[in-house]
């Protein structure tokens, strides 16, 4: 991942509603979720969510496909994993295998207190 792409992805995620939406899509897996379901779960108006999804799409973090009348959004796991790799590439004295987080592995530890269920 290039620095400019990392900055775009981090900027897109640096807003609470977008971060919540992205995390919800990550939890949903590759199949994604209909936009209406994401809006309902997050308590956001559809037009507001559409704005946030556009920012996430421009940063390469989500995809969208039409299924009948529904728009299905899904996380782009390859972009998420590339961002994690970019952020950890030089950690631990150039030995990222010592400290890099596993790519897209469900967290089985207790949830942090700053996280809100979605």
PDB file of N, CA and C in Angstrom:
ATOM      1  N   UNK A   1       0.858  -1.176   0.000  1.00  0.00           N
ATOM      2  CA  UNK A   1       0.000   0.000   0.000  1.00  0.00           C
ATOM      3  C   UNK A   1       0.899   1.233   0.000  1.00  0.00           C
ATOM      4  N   UNK A   2       0.514   2.186  -0.801  1.00  0.00           N
ATOM      5  CA  UNK A   2       1.261   3.441  -0.874  1.00  0.00           C
ATOM      6  C   UNK A   2       0.795   4.379   0.238  1.00  0.00           C
ATOM      7  N   UNK A   3       1.675   5.283   0.616  1.00  0.00           N
ATOM      8  CA  UNK A   3       1.382   6.225   1.697  1.00  0.00           C
ATOM      9  C   UNK A   3       0.102   7.008   1.425  1.00  0.00           C
ATOM     10  N   UNK A   4      -0.098   7.462   0.205  1.00  0.00           N
ATOM     11  CA  UNK A   4      -1.290   8.257  -0.127  1.00  0.00           C
ATOM     12  C   UNK A   4      -2.574   7.450   0.098  1.00  0.00           C
ATOM     13  N   UNK A   5      -2.535   6.142  -0.197  1.00  0.00           N
ATOM     14  CA  UNK A   5      -3.705   5.287   0.025  1.00  0.00           C
ATOM     15  C   UNK A   5      -3.937   5.045   1.514  1.00  0.00           C
ATOM     16  N   UNK A   6      -2.856   4.912   2.269  1.00  0.00           N
ATOM     17  CA  UNK A   6      -2.983   4.735   3.716  1.00  0.00           C
ATOM     18  C   UNK A   6      -3.593   5.980   4.344  1.00  0.00           C
ATOM     19  N   UNK A   7      -3.151   7.142   3.915  1.00  0.00           N
ATOM     20  CA  UNK A   7      -3.691   8.397   4.445  1.00  0.00           C
ATOM     21  C   UNK A   7      -5.183   8.514   4.109  1.00  0.00           C
ATOM     22  N   UNK A   8      -5.561   8.155   2.891  1.00  0.00           N
ATOM     23  CA  UNK A   8      -6.976   8.221   2.492  1.00  0.00           C
ATOM     24  C   UNK A   8      -7.823   7.269   3.327  1.00  0.00           C
ATOM     25  N   UNK A   9      -7.326   6.058   3.548  1.00  0.00           N
ATOM     26  CA  UNK A   9      -8.077   5.081   4.341  1.00  0.00           C
ATOM     27  C   UNK A   9      -8.206   5.545   5.788  1.00  0.00           C
ATOM     28  N   UNK A  10      -7.117   6.027   6.355  1.00  0.00           N
ATOM     29  CA  UNK A  10      -7.166   6.497   7.741  1.00  0.00           C
ATOM     30  C   UNK A  10      -8.082   7.711   7.875  1.00  0.00           C
ATOM     31  N   UNK A  11      -8.047   8.611   6.899  1.00  0.00           N
ATOM     32  CA  UNK A  11      -8.924   9.786   6.932  1.00  0.00           C
ATOM     33  C   UNK A  11     -10.389   9.368   6.864  1.00  0.00           C
ATOM     34  N   UNK A  12     -10.693   8.386   6.026  1.00  0.00           N
ATOM     35  CA  UNK A  12     -12.076   7.918   5.905  1.00  0.00           C
ATOM     36  C   UNK A  12     -12.558   7.279   7.203  1.00  0.00           C
ATOM     37  N   UNK A  13     -11.674   6.587   7.893  1.00  0.00           N
ATOM     38  CA  UNK A  13     -12.049   5.916   9.135  1.00  0.00           C
ATOM     39  C   UNK A  13     -12.030   6.842  10.347  1.00  0.00           C
ATOM     40  N   UNK A  14     -11.523   8.052  10.176  1.00  0.00           N
ATOM     41  CA  UNK A  14     -11.373   8.982  11.290  1.00  0.00           C
ATOM     42  C   UNK A  14     -12.648   9.774  11.567  1.00  0.00           C
ATOM     43  N   UNK A  15     -13.770   9.124  11.466  1.00  0.00           N
ATOM     44  CA  UNK A  15     -15.070   9.729  11.757  1.00  0.00           C
ATOM     45  C   UNK A  15     -15.903   8.626  12.389  1.00  0.00           C
ATOM     46  N   UNK A  16     -16.559   8.909  13.487  1.00  0.00           N
ATOM     47  CA  UNK A  16     -17.190   7.837  14.266  1.00  0.00           C
ATOM     48  C   UNK A  16     -18.240   7.036  13.509  1.00  0.00           C
ATOM     49  N   UNK A  17     -19.104   7.676  12.721  1.00  0.00           N
ATOM     50  CA  UNK A  17     -20.124   6.932  11.985  1.00  0.00           C
ATOM     51  C   UNK A  17     -19.505   6.039  10.903  1.00  0.00           C
ATOM     52  N   UNK A  18     -18.483   6.547  10.220  1.00  0.00           N
ATOM     53  CA  UNK A  18     -17.819   5.731   9.195  1.00  0.00           C
ATOM     54  C   UNK A  18     -17.083   4.561   9.835  1.00  0.00           C
ATOM     55  N   UNK A  19     -16.430   4.807  10.943  1.00  0.00           N
ATOM     56  CA  UNK A  19     -15.735   3.720  11.635  1.00  0.00           C
ATOM     57  C   UNK A  19     -16.734   2.660  12.098  1.00  0.00           C
ATOM     58  N   UNK A  20     -17.857   3.083  12.653  1.00  0.00           N
ATOM     59  CA  UNK A  20     -18.892   2.137  13.079  1.00  0.00           C
ATOM     60  C   UNK A  20     -19.425   1.332  11.899  1.00  0.00           C
ATOM     61  N   UNK A  21     -19.690   1.998  10.786  1.00  0.00           N
ATOM     62  CA  UNK A  21     -20.209   1.310   9.598  1.00  0.00           C
ATOM     63  C   UNK A  21     -19.186   0.314   9.062  1.00  0.00           C
ATOM     64  N   UNK A  22     -17.931   0.717   8.996  1.00  0.00           N
ATOM     65  CA  UNK A  22     -16.894  -0.181   8.495  1.00  0.00           C
ATOM     66  C   UNK A  22     -16.750  -1.399   9.408  1.00  0.00           C
ATOM     67  N   UNK A  23     -16.722  -1.181  10.703  1.00  0.00           N
ATOM     68  CA  UNK A  23     -16.595  -2.305  11.642  1.00  0.00           C
ATOM     69  C   UNK A  23     -17.791  -3.245  11.533  1.00  0.00           C
ATOM     70  N   UNK A  24     -18.976  -2.703  11.317  1.00  0.00           N
ATOM     71  CA  UNK A  24     -20.160  -3.538  11.138  1.00  0.00           C
ATOM     72  C   UNK A  24     -20.028  -4.395   9.883  1.00  0.00           C
ATOM     73  N   UNK A  25     -19.515  -3.797   8.811  1.00  0.00           N
ATOM     74  CA  UNK A  25     -19.309  -4.561   7.574  1.00  0.00           C
ATOM     75  C   UNK A  25     -18.230  -5.624   7.740  1.00  0.00           C
ATOM     76  N   UNK A  26     -17.200  -5.328   8.506  1.00  0.00           N
ATOM     77  CA  UNK A  26     -16.161  -6.331   8.776  1.00  0.00           C
ATOM     78  C   UNK A  26     -16.784  -7.501   9.531  1.00  0.00           C
ATOM     79  N   UNK A  27     -17.622  -7.214  10.511  1.00  0.00           N
ATOM     80  CA  UNK A  27     -18.294  -8.265  11.274  1.00  0.00           C
ATOM     81  C   UNK A  27     -19.207  -9.102  10.378  1.00  0.00           C
ATOM     82  N   UNK A  28     -19.834  -8.464   9.382  1.00  0.00           N
ATOM     83  CA  UNK A  28     -20.765  -9.159   8.496  1.00  0.00           C
ATOM     84  C   UNK A  28     -20.058 -10.134   7.565  1.00  0.00           C
ATOM     85  N   UNK A  29     -18.788  -9.898   7.290  1.00  0.00           N
ATOM     86  CA  UNK A  29     -18.046 -10.790   6.396  1.00  0.00           C
ATOM     87  C   UNK A  29     -18.186 -10.385   4.943  1.00  0.00           C
ATOM     88  N   UNK A  30     -17.658 -11.227   4.058  1.00  0.00           N
ATOM     89  CA  UNK A  30     -17.604 -10.895   2.629  1.00  0.00           C
ATOM     90  C   UNK A  30     -18.958 -10.667   1.965  1.00  0.00           C
ATOM     91  N   UNK A  31     -20.021 -11.243   2.520  1.00  0.00           N
ATOM     92  CA  UNK A  31     -21.346 -11.066   1.928  1.00  0.00           C
ATOM     93  C   UNK A  31     -21.895  -9.668   2.093  1.00  0.00           C
ATOM     94  N   UNK A  32     -21.400  -8.939   3.096  1.00  0.00           N
ATOM     95  CA  UNK A  32     -21.849  -7.575   3.318  1.00  0.00           C
ATOM     96  C   UNK A  32     -23.245  -7.491   3.897  1.00  0.00           C
ATOM     97  N   UNK A  33     -23.774  -6.278   3.874  1.00  0.00           N
ATOM     98  CA  UNK A  33     -25.113  -5.996   4.406  1.00  0.00           C
ATOM     99  C   UNK A  33     -25.821  -4.984   3.528  1.00  0.00           C
ATOM    100  N   UNK A  34     -27.147  -5.067   3.452  1.00  0.00           N
ATOM    101  CA  UNK A  34     -27.905  -4.033   2.744  1.00  0.00           C
ATOM    102  C   UNK A  34     -27.751  -2.693   3.463  1.00  0.00           C
ATOM    103  N   UNK A  35     -27.724  -1.626   2.698  1.00  0.00           N
ATOM    104  CA  UNK A  35     -27.565  -0.288   3.260  1.00  0.00           C
ATOM    105  C   UNK A  35     -28.636   0.009   4.297  1.00  0.00           C
ATOM    106  N   UNK A  36     -29.865  -0.396   4.038  1.00  0.00           N
ATOM    107  CA  UNK A  36     -30.951  -0.139   4.984  1.00  0.00           C
ATOM    108  C   UNK A  36     -30.734  -0.810   6.322  1.00  0.00           C
ATOM    109  N   UNK A  37     -30.168  -2.002   6.301  1.00  0.00           N
ATOM    110  CA  UNK A  37     -29.892  -2.703   7.556  1.00  0.00           C
ATOM    111  C   UNK A  37     -28.777  -2.006   8.333  1.00  0.00           C
ATOM    112  N   UNK A  38     -27.748  -1.545   7.625  1.00  0.00           N
ATOM    113  CA  UNK A  38     -26.671  -0.808   8.287  1.00  0.00           C
ATOM    114  C   UNK A  38     -27.232   0.470   8.908  1.00  0.00           C
ATOM    115  N   UNK A  39     -28.057   1.184   8.160  1.00  0.00           N
ATOM    116  CA  UNK A  39     -28.657   2.417   8.665  1.00  0.00           C
ATOM    117  C   UNK A  39     -29.485   2.145   9.919  1.00  0.00           C
ATOM    118  N   UNK A  40     -30.281   1.082   9.897  1.00  0.00           N
ATOM    119  CA  UNK A  40     -31.115   0.751  11.043  1.00  0.00           C
ATOM    120  C   UNK A  40     -30.271   0.367  12.257  1.00  0.00           C
ATOM    121  N   UNK A  41     -29.262  -0.440  12.048  1.00  0.00           N
ATOM    122  CA  UNK A  41     -28.424  -0.867  13.173  1.00  0.00           C
ATOM    123  C   UNK A  41     -27.656   0.293  13.798  1.00  0.00           C
ATOM    124  N   UNK A  42     -27.255   1.244  12.973  1.00  0.00           N
ATOM    125  CA  UNK A  42     -26.481   2.372  13.485  1.00  0.00           C
ATOM    126  C   UNK A  42     -27.340   3.569  13.854  1.00  0.00           C
ATOM    127  N   UNK A  43     -28.633   3.515  13.519  1.00  0.00           N
ATOM    128  CA  UNK A  43     -29.530   4.620  13.828  1.00  0.00           C
ATOM    129  C   UNK A  43     -29.222   5.873  13.034  1.00  0.00           C
ATOM    130  N   UNK A  44     -28.835   5.678  11.763  1.00  0.00           N
ATOM    131  CA  UNK A  44     -28.498   6.807  10.890  1.00  0.00           C
ATOM    132  C   UNK A  44     -29.527   6.946   9.778  1.00  0.00           C
ATOM    133  N   UNK A  45     -29.840   8.179   9.370  1.00  0.00           N
ATOM    134  CA  UNK A  45     -30.705   8.363   8.214  1.00  0.00           C
ATOM    135  C   UNK A  45     -30.007   7.821   6.963  1.00  0.00           C
ATOM    136  N   UNK A  46     -30.750   7.216   6.044  1.00  0.00           N
ATOM    137  CA  UNK A  46     -30.141   6.633   4.839  1.00  0.00           C
ATOM    138  C   UNK A  46     -29.286   7.611   4.034  1.00  0.00           C
ATOM    139  N   UNK A  47     -29.721   8.873   3.903  1.00  0.00           N
ATOM    140  CA  UNK A  47     -28.922   9.819   3.110  1.00  0.00           C
ATOM    141  C   UNK A  47     -27.592  10.141   3.791  1.00  0.00           C
ATOM    142  N   UNK A  48     -27.586  10.184   5.109  1.00  0.00           N
ATOM    143  CA  UNK A  48     -26.342  10.401   5.850  1.00  0.00           C
ATOM    144  C   UNK A  48     -25.410   9.216   5.673  1.00  0.00           C
ATOM    145  N   UNK A  49     -25.961   8.016   5.771  1.00  0.00           N
ATOM    146  CA  UNK A  49     -25.149   6.814   5.600  1.00  0.00           C
ATOM    147  C   UNK A  49     -24.584   6.737   4.185  1.00  0.00           C
ATOM    148  N   UNK A  50     -25.371   7.133   3.205  1.00  0.00           N
ATOM    149  CA  UNK A  50     -24.905   7.140   1.819  1.00  0.00           C
ATOM    150  C   UNK A  50     -23.677   8.022   1.662  1.00  0.00           C
ATOM    151  N   UNK A  51     -23.681   9.181   2.285  1.00  0.00           N
ATOM    152  CA  UNK A  51     -22.520  10.082   2.275  1.00  0.00           C
ATOM    153  C   UNK A  51     -21.300   9.389   2.867  1.00  0.00           C
ATOM    154  N   UNK A  52     -21.487   8.726   4.005  1.00  0.00           N
ATOM    155  CA  UNK A  52     -20.372   8.049   4.659  1.00  0.00           C
ATOM    156  C   UNK A  52     -19.860   6.873   3.821  1.00  0.00           C
ATOM    157  N   UNK A  53     -20.775   6.126   3.222  1.00  0.00           N
ATOM    158  CA  UNK A  53     -20.349   5.014   2.364  1.00  0.00           C
ATOM    159  C   UNK A  53     -19.553   5.518   1.162  1.00  0.00           C
ATOM    160  N   UNK A  54     -19.942   6.662   0.618  1.00  0.00           N
ATOM    161  CA  UNK A  54     -19.178   7.234  -0.498  1.00  0.00           C
ATOM    162  C   UNK A  54     -17.737   7.511  -0.098  1.00  0.00           C
ATOM    163  N   UNK A  55     -17.541   8.060   1.086  1.00  0.00           N
ATOM    164  CA  UNK A  55     -16.173   8.325   1.576  1.00  0.00           C
ATOM    165  C   UNK A  55     -15.392   7.027   1.743  1.00  0.00           C
ATOM    166  N   UNK A  56     -16.039   6.000   2.287  1.00  0.00           N
ATOM    167  CA  UNK A  56     -15.372   4.708   2.471  1.00  0.00           C
ATOM    168  C   UNK A  56     -15.061   4.050   1.131  1.00  0.00           C
ATOM    169  N   UNK A  57     -15.957   4.204   0.174  1.00  0.00           N
ATOM    170  CA  UNK A  57     -15.722   3.645  -1.167  1.00  0.00           C
ATOM    171  C   UNK A  57     -14.570   4.349  -1.856  1.00  0.00           C
ATOM    172  N   UNK A  58     -14.522   5.681  -1.764  1.00  0.00           N
ATOM    173  CA  UNK A  58     -13.442   6.450  -2.383  1.00  0.00           C
ATOM    174  C   UNK A  58     -12.087   6.056  -1.808  1.00  0.00           C
ATOM    175  N   UNK A  59     -12.065   5.660  -0.550  1.00  0.00           N
ATOM    176  CA  UNK A  59     -10.817   5.242   0.093  1.00  0.00           C
ATOM    177  C   UNK A  59     -10.493   3.768  -0.179  1.00  0.00           C
ATOM    178  N   UNK A  60     -11.370   3.087  -0.897  1.00  0.00           N
ATOM    179  CA  UNK A  60     -11.129   1.690  -1.236  1.00  0.00           C
ATOM    180  C   UNK A  60     -11.421   0.712  -0.123  1.00  0.00           C
ATOM    181  N   UNK A  61     -12.177   1.143   0.891  1.00  0.00           N
ATOM    182  CA  UNK A  61     -12.449   0.291   2.042  1.00  0.00           C
ATOM    183  C   UNK A  61     -13.723  -0.533   1.924  1.00  0.00           C
ATOM    184  N   UNK A  62     -14.643  -0.132   1.058  1.00  0.00           N
ATOM    185  CA  UNK A  62     -15.878  -0.897   0.872  1.00  0.00           C
ATOM    186  C   UNK A  62     -16.209  -1.010  -0.610  1.00  0.00           C
ATOM    187  N   UNK A  63     -17.000  -2.024  -0.912  1.00  0.00           N
ATOM    188  CA  UNK A  63     -17.554  -2.197  -2.253  1.00  0.00           C
ATOM    189  C   UNK A  63     -19.071  -2.123  -2.139  1.00  0.00           C
ATOM    190  N   UNK A  64     -19.713  -1.923  -3.262  1.00  0.00           N
ATOM    191  CA  UNK A  64     -21.169  -1.897  -3.293  1.00  0.00           C
ATOM    192  C   UNK A  64     -21.641  -2.658  -4.527  1.00  0.00           C
ATOM    193  N   UNK A  65     -22.717  -3.387  -4.355  1.00  0.00           N
ATOM    194  CA  UNK A  65     -23.340  -4.089  -5.478  1.00  0.00           C
ATOM    195  C   UNK A  65     -24.858  -4.001  -5.304  1.00  0.00           C
ATOM    196  N   UNK A  66     -25.537  -4.069  -6.424  1.00  0.00           N
ATOM    197  CA  UNK A  66     -26.989  -4.013  -6.389  1.00  0.00           C
ATOM    198  C   UNK A  66     -27.540  -5.435  -6.325  1.00  0.00           C
ATOM    199  N   UNK A  67     -28.542  -5.627  -5.470  1.00  0.00           N
ATOM    200  CA  UNK A  67     -29.261  -6.894  -5.385  1.00  0.00           C
ATOM    201  C   UNK A  67     -30.739  -6.536  -5.397  1.00  0.00           C
ATOM    202  N   UNK A  68     -31.347  -6.582  -6.577  1.00  0.00           N
ATOM    203  CA  UNK A  68     -32.723  -6.118  -6.719  1.00  0.00           C
ATOM    204  C   UNK A  68     -32.772  -4.630  -6.471  1.00  0.00           C
ATOM    205  N   UNK A  69     -33.550  -4.220  -5.485  1.00  0.00           N
ATOM    206  CA  UNK A  69     -33.643  -2.796  -5.142  1.00  0.00           C
ATOM    207  C   UNK A  69     -32.682  -2.394  -4.042  1.00  0.00           C
ATOM    208  N   UNK A  70     -31.972  -3.363  -3.479  1.00  0.00           N
ATOM    209  CA  UNK A  70     -31.066  -3.082  -2.360  1.00  0.00           C
ATOM    210  C   UNK A  70     -29.633  -2.850  -2.833  1.00  0.00           C
ATOM    211  N   UNK A  71     -28.963  -1.978  -2.129  1.00  0.00           N
ATOM    212  CA  UNK A  71     -27.525  -1.784  -2.324  1.00  0.00           C
ATOM    213  C   UNK A  71     -26.837  -2.524  -1.192  1.00  0.00           C
ATOM    214  N   UNK A  72     -25.966  -3.457  -1.568  1.00  0.00           N
ATOM    215  CA  UNK A  72     -25.263  -4.274  -0.585  1.00  0.00           C
ATOM    216  C   UNK A  72     -23.830  -3.764  -0.474  1.00  0.00           C
ATOM    217  N   UNK A  73     -23.447  -3.371   0.721  1.00  0.00           N
ATOM    218  CA  UNK A  73     -22.098  -2.882   0.979  1.00  0.00           C
ATOM    219  C   UNK A  73     -21.305  -3.964   1.694  1.00  0.00           C
ATOM    220  N   UNK A  74     -20.031  -4.069   1.340  1.00  0.00           N
ATOM    221  CA  UNK A  74     -19.153  -5.055   1.970  1.00  0.00           C
ATOM    222  C   UNK A  74     -17.776  -4.440   2.176  1.00  0.00           C
ATOM    223  N   UNK A  75     -17.125  -4.865   3.240  1.00  0.00           N
ATOM    224  CA  UNK A  75     -15.759  -4.407   3.517  1.00  0.00           C
ATOM    225  C   UNK A  75     -14.817  -5.023   2.490  1.00  0.00           C
ATOM    226  N   UNK A  76     -13.816  -4.266   2.092  1.00  0.00           N
ATOM    227  CA  UNK A  76     -12.743  -4.778   1.226  1.00  0.00           C
ATOM    228  C   UNK A  76     -11.618  -5.232   2.150  1.00  0.00           C
ATOM    229  N   UNK A  77     -11.617  -6.524   2.445  1.00  0.00           N
ATOM    230  CA  UNK A  77     -10.668  -7.071   3.396  1.00  0.00           C
ATOM    231  C   UNK A  77      -9.233  -6.949   2.904  1.00  0.00           C
ATOM    232  N   UNK A  78      -9.036  -7.001   1.594  1.00  0.00           N
ATOM    233  CA  UNK A  78      -7.671  -6.860   1.076  1.00  0.00           C
ATOM    234  C   UNK A  78      -7.119  -5.462   1.369  1.00  0.00           C
ATOM    235  N   UNK A  79      -7.978  -4.449   1.304  1.00  0.00           N
ATOM    236  CA  UNK A  79      -7.537  -3.094   1.621  1.00  0.00           C
ATOM    237  C   UNK A  79      -7.283  -2.954   3.120  1.00  0.00           C
ATOM    238  N   UNK A  80      -8.175  -3.509   3.930  1.00  0.00           N
ATOM    239  CA  UNK A  80      -7.999  -3.454   5.381  1.00  0.00           C
ATOM    240  C   UNK A  80      -6.691  -4.141   5.774  1.00  0.00           C
ATOM    241  N   UNK A  81      -6.442  -5.311   5.227  1.00  0.00           N
ATOM    242  CA  UNK A  81      -5.219  -6.039   5.563  1.00  0.00           C
ATOM    243  C   UNK A  81      -3.979  -5.323   5.046  1.00  0.00           C
ATOM    244  N   UNK A  82      -4.079  -4.691   3.878  1.00  0.00           N
ATOM    245  CA  UNK A  82      -2.946  -3.919   3.354  1.00  0.00           C
ATOM    246  C   UNK A  82      -2.651  -2.727   4.250  1.00  0.00           C
ATOM    247  N   UNK A  83      -3.699  -2.083   4.784  1.00  0.00           N
ATOM    248  CA  UNK A  83      -3.501  -0.963   5.696  1.00  0.00           C
ATOM    249  C   UNK A  83      -2.821  -1.435   6.980  1.00  0.00           C
ATOM    250  N   UNK A  84      -3.276  -2.554   7.525  1.00  0.00           N
ATOM    251  CA  UNK A  84      -2.638  -3.102   8.729  1.00  0.00           C
ATOM    252  C   UNK A  84      -1.171  -3.435   8.457  1.00  0.00           C
ATOM    253  N   UNK A  85      -0.900  -4.021   7.298  1.00  0.00           N
ATOM    254  CA  UNK A  85       0.483  -4.358   6.943  1.00  0.00           C
ATOM    255  C   UNK A  85       1.325  -3.097   6.802  1.00  0.00           C
ATOM    256  N   UNK A  86       0.764  -2.064   6.180  1.00  0.00           N
ATOM    257  CA  UNK A  86       1.482  -0.801   6.024  1.00  0.00           C
ATOM    258  C   UNK A  86       1.830  -0.200   7.382  1.00  0.00           C
ATOM    259  N   UNK A  87       0.858  -0.216   8.295  1.00  0.00           N
ATOM    260  CA  UNK A  87       1.060   0.389   9.610  1.00  0.00           C
ATOM    261  C   UNK A  87       2.064  -0.382  10.464  1.00  0.00           C
ATOM    262  N   UNK A  88       2.223  -1.667  10.211  1.00  0.00           N
ATOM    263  CA  UNK A  88       3.097  -2.484  11.050  1.00  0.00           C
ATOM    264  C   UNK A  88       4.370  -2.934  10.338  1.00  0.00           C
ATOM    265  N   UNK A  89       4.599  -2.473   9.133  1.00  0.00           N
ATOM    266  CA  UNK A  89       5.730  -2.950   8.328  1.00  0.00           C
ATOM    267  C   UNK A  89       7.081  -2.735   8.995  1.00  0.00           C
ATOM    268  N   UNK A  90       7.257  -1.662   9.726  1.00  0.00           N
ATOM    269  CA  UNK A  90       8.560  -1.350  10.302  1.00  0.00           C
ATOM    270  C   UNK A  90       8.598  -1.476  11.816  1.00  0.00           C
ATOM    271  N   UNK A  91       7.615  -2.136  12.386  1.00  0.00           N
ATOM    272  CA  UNK A  91       7.599  -2.241  13.838  1.00  0.00           C
ATOM    273  C   UNK A  91       8.573  -3.322  14.311  1.00  0.00           C
ATOM    274  N   UNK A  92       8.856  -3.324  15.561  1.00  0.00           N
ATOM    275  CA  UNK A  92       9.706  -4.342  16.194  1.00  0.00           C
ATOM    276  C   UNK A  92      11.060  -4.465  15.516  1.00  0.00           C
ATOM    277  N   UNK A  93      11.671  -3.330  15.231  1.00  0.00           N
ATOM    278  CA  UNK A  93      13.008  -3.349  14.654  1.00  0.00           C
ATOM    279  C   UNK A  93      13.090  -4.036  13.309  1.00  0.00           C
ATOM    280  N   UNK A  94      12.066  -3.886  12.496  1.00  0.00           N
ATOM    281  CA  UNK A  94      12.083  -4.490  11.169  1.00  0.00           C
ATOM    282  C   UNK A  94      11.684  -5.954  11.155  1.00  0.00           C
ATOM    283  N   UNK A  95      11.143  -6.457  12.257  1.00  0.00           N
ATOM    284  CA  UNK A  95      10.667  -7.835  12.327  1.00  0.00           C
ATOM    285  C   UNK A  95       9.167  -7.822  12.627  1.00  0.00           C
ATOM    286  N   UNK A  96       8.355  -7.471  11.629  1.00  0.00           N
ATOM    287  CA  UNK A  96       6.918  -7.306  11.882  1.00  0.00           C
ATOM    288  C   UNK A  96       6.235  -8.578  12.353  1.00  0.00           C
ATOM    289  N   UNK A  97       6.791  -9.736  12.054  1.00  0.00           N
ATOM    290  CA  UNK A  97       6.165 -10.988  12.506  1.00  0.00           C
ATOM    291  C   UNK A  97       6.116 -11.073  14.036  1.00  0.00           C
ATOM    292  N   UNK A  98       6.945 -10.289  14.718  1.00  0.00           N
ATOM    293  CA  UNK A  98       6.942 -10.288  16.179  1.00  0.00           C
ATOM    294  C   UNK A  98       5.799  -9.478  16.781  1.00  0.00           C
ATOM    295  N   UNK A  99       5.294  -8.496  16.028  1.00  0.00           N
ATOM    296  CA  UNK A  99       4.285  -7.627  16.627  1.00  0.00           C
ATOM    297  C   UNK A  99       3.084  -7.354  15.729  1.00  0.00           C
ATOM    298  N   UNK A 100       3.108  -7.787  14.483  1.00  0.00           N
ATOM    299  CA  UNK A 100       2.005  -7.489  13.572  1.00  0.00           C
ATOM    300  C   UNK A 100       0.749  -8.244  13.997  1.00  0.00           C
ATOM    301  N   UNK A 101      -0.395  -7.579  13.928  1.00  0.00           N
ATOM    302  CA  UNK A 101      -1.636  -8.279  14.253  1.00  0.00           C
ATOM    303  C   UNK A 101      -1.962  -9.283  13.156  1.00  0.00           C
ATOM    304  N   UNK A 102      -2.609 -10.381  13.515  1.00  0.00           N
ATOM    305  CA  UNK A 102      -3.023 -11.325  12.473  1.00  0.00           C
ATOM    306  C   UNK A 102      -4.052 -10.666  11.566  1.00  0.00           C
ATOM    307  N   UNK A 103      -3.985 -10.939  10.312  1.00  0.00           N
ATOM    308  CA  UNK A 103      -4.894 -10.330   9.341  1.00  0.00           C
ATOM    309  C   UNK A 103      -6.269 -10.959   9.440  1.00  0.00           C
ATOM    310  N   UNK A 104      -7.242 -10.124   9.709  1.00  0.00           N
ATOM    311  CA  UNK A 104      -8.652 -10.496   9.702  1.00  0.00           C
ATOM    312  C   UNK A 104      -8.940 -11.788  10.461  1.00  0.00           C
ATOM    313  N   UNK A 105      -8.533 -11.835  11.701  1.00  0.00           N
ATOM    314  CA  UNK A 105      -8.842 -12.961  12.570  1.00  0.00           C
ATOM    315  C   UNK A 105      -9.796 -12.448  13.636  1.00  0.00           C
ATOM    316  N   UNK A 106     -10.927 -13.128  13.850  1.00  0.00           N
ATOM    317  CA  UNK A 106     -11.873 -12.633  14.852  1.00  0.00           C
ATOM    318  C   UNK A 106     -11.227 -12.491  16.218  1.00  0.00           C
ATOM    319  N   UNK A 107     -11.562 -11.420  16.901  1.00  0.00           N
ATOM    320  CA  UNK A 107     -11.046 -11.152  18.227  1.00  0.00           C
ATOM    321  C   UNK A 107     -11.861 -11.943  19.230  1.00  0.00           C
ATOM    322  N   UNK A 108     -11.211 -12.852  19.948  1.00  0.00           N
ATOM    323  CA  UNK A 108     -11.926 -13.672  20.930  1.00  0.00           C
ATOM    324  C   UNK A 108     -11.727 -13.164  22.347  1.00  0.00           C
ATOM    325  N   UNK A 109     -10.892 -12.132  22.509  1.00  0.00           N
ATOM    326  CA  UNK A 109     -10.682 -11.581  23.851  1.00  0.00           C
ATOM    327  C   UNK A 109     -11.852 -10.688  24.229  1.00  0.00           C
ATOM    328  N   UNK A 110     -11.890 -10.295  25.483  1.00  0.00           N
ATOM    329  CA  UNK A 110     -12.966  -9.405  25.953  1.00  0.00           C
ATOM    330  C   UNK A 110     -12.938  -8.100  25.178  1.00  0.00           C
ATOM    331  N   UNK A 111     -14.096  -7.568  24.917  1.00  0.00           N
ATOM    332  CA  UNK A 111     -14.204  -6.309  24.185  1.00  0.00           C
ATOM    333  C   UNK A 111     -13.684  -5.174  25.027  1.00  0.00           C
ATOM    334  N   UNK A 112     -13.056  -4.201  24.362  1.00  0.00           N
ATOM    335  CA  UNK A 112     -12.570  -3.024  25.060  1.00  0.00           C
ATOM    336  C   UNK A 112     -13.742  -2.163  25.484  1.00  0.00           C
ATOM    337  N   UNK A 113     -13.541  -1.373  26.535  1.00  0.00           N
ATOM    338  CA  UNK A 113     -14.642  -0.575  27.072  1.00  0.00           C
ATOM    339  C   UNK A 113     -15.059   0.558  26.161  1.00  0.00           C
ATOM    340  N   UNK A 114     -14.186   1.004  25.243  1.00  0.00           N
ATOM    341  CA  UNK A 114     -14.582   2.116  24.368  1.00  0.00           C
ATOM    342  C   UNK A 114     -15.365   1.649  23.160  1.00  0.00           C
ATOM    343  N   UNK A 115     -15.532   0.350  23.011  1.00  0.00           N
ATOM    344  CA  UNK A 115     -16.281  -0.163  21.870  1.00  0.00           C
ATOM    345  C   UNK A 115     -17.750  -0.241  22.223  1.00  0.00           C
ATOM    346  N   UNK A 116     -18.560   0.087  21.258  1.00  0.00           N
ATOM    347  CA  UNK A 116     -19.998   0.005  21.445  1.00  0.00           C
ATOM    348  C   UNK A 116     -20.533  -1.108  20.571  1.00  0.00           C
ATOM    349  N   UNK A 117     -21.409  -1.952  21.077  1.00  0.00           N
ATOM    350  CA  UNK A 117     -21.987  -2.990  20.226  1.00  0.00           C
ATOM    351  C   UNK A 117     -22.806  -2.374  19.117  1.00  0.00           C
ATOM    352  N   UNK A 118     -22.743  -2.983  17.970  1.00  0.00           N
ATOM    353  CA  UNK A 118     -23.511  -2.490  16.820  1.00  0.00           C
ATOM    354  C   UNK A 118     -24.499  -3.522  16.374  1.00  0.00           C
TER     355      UNK A 118
END
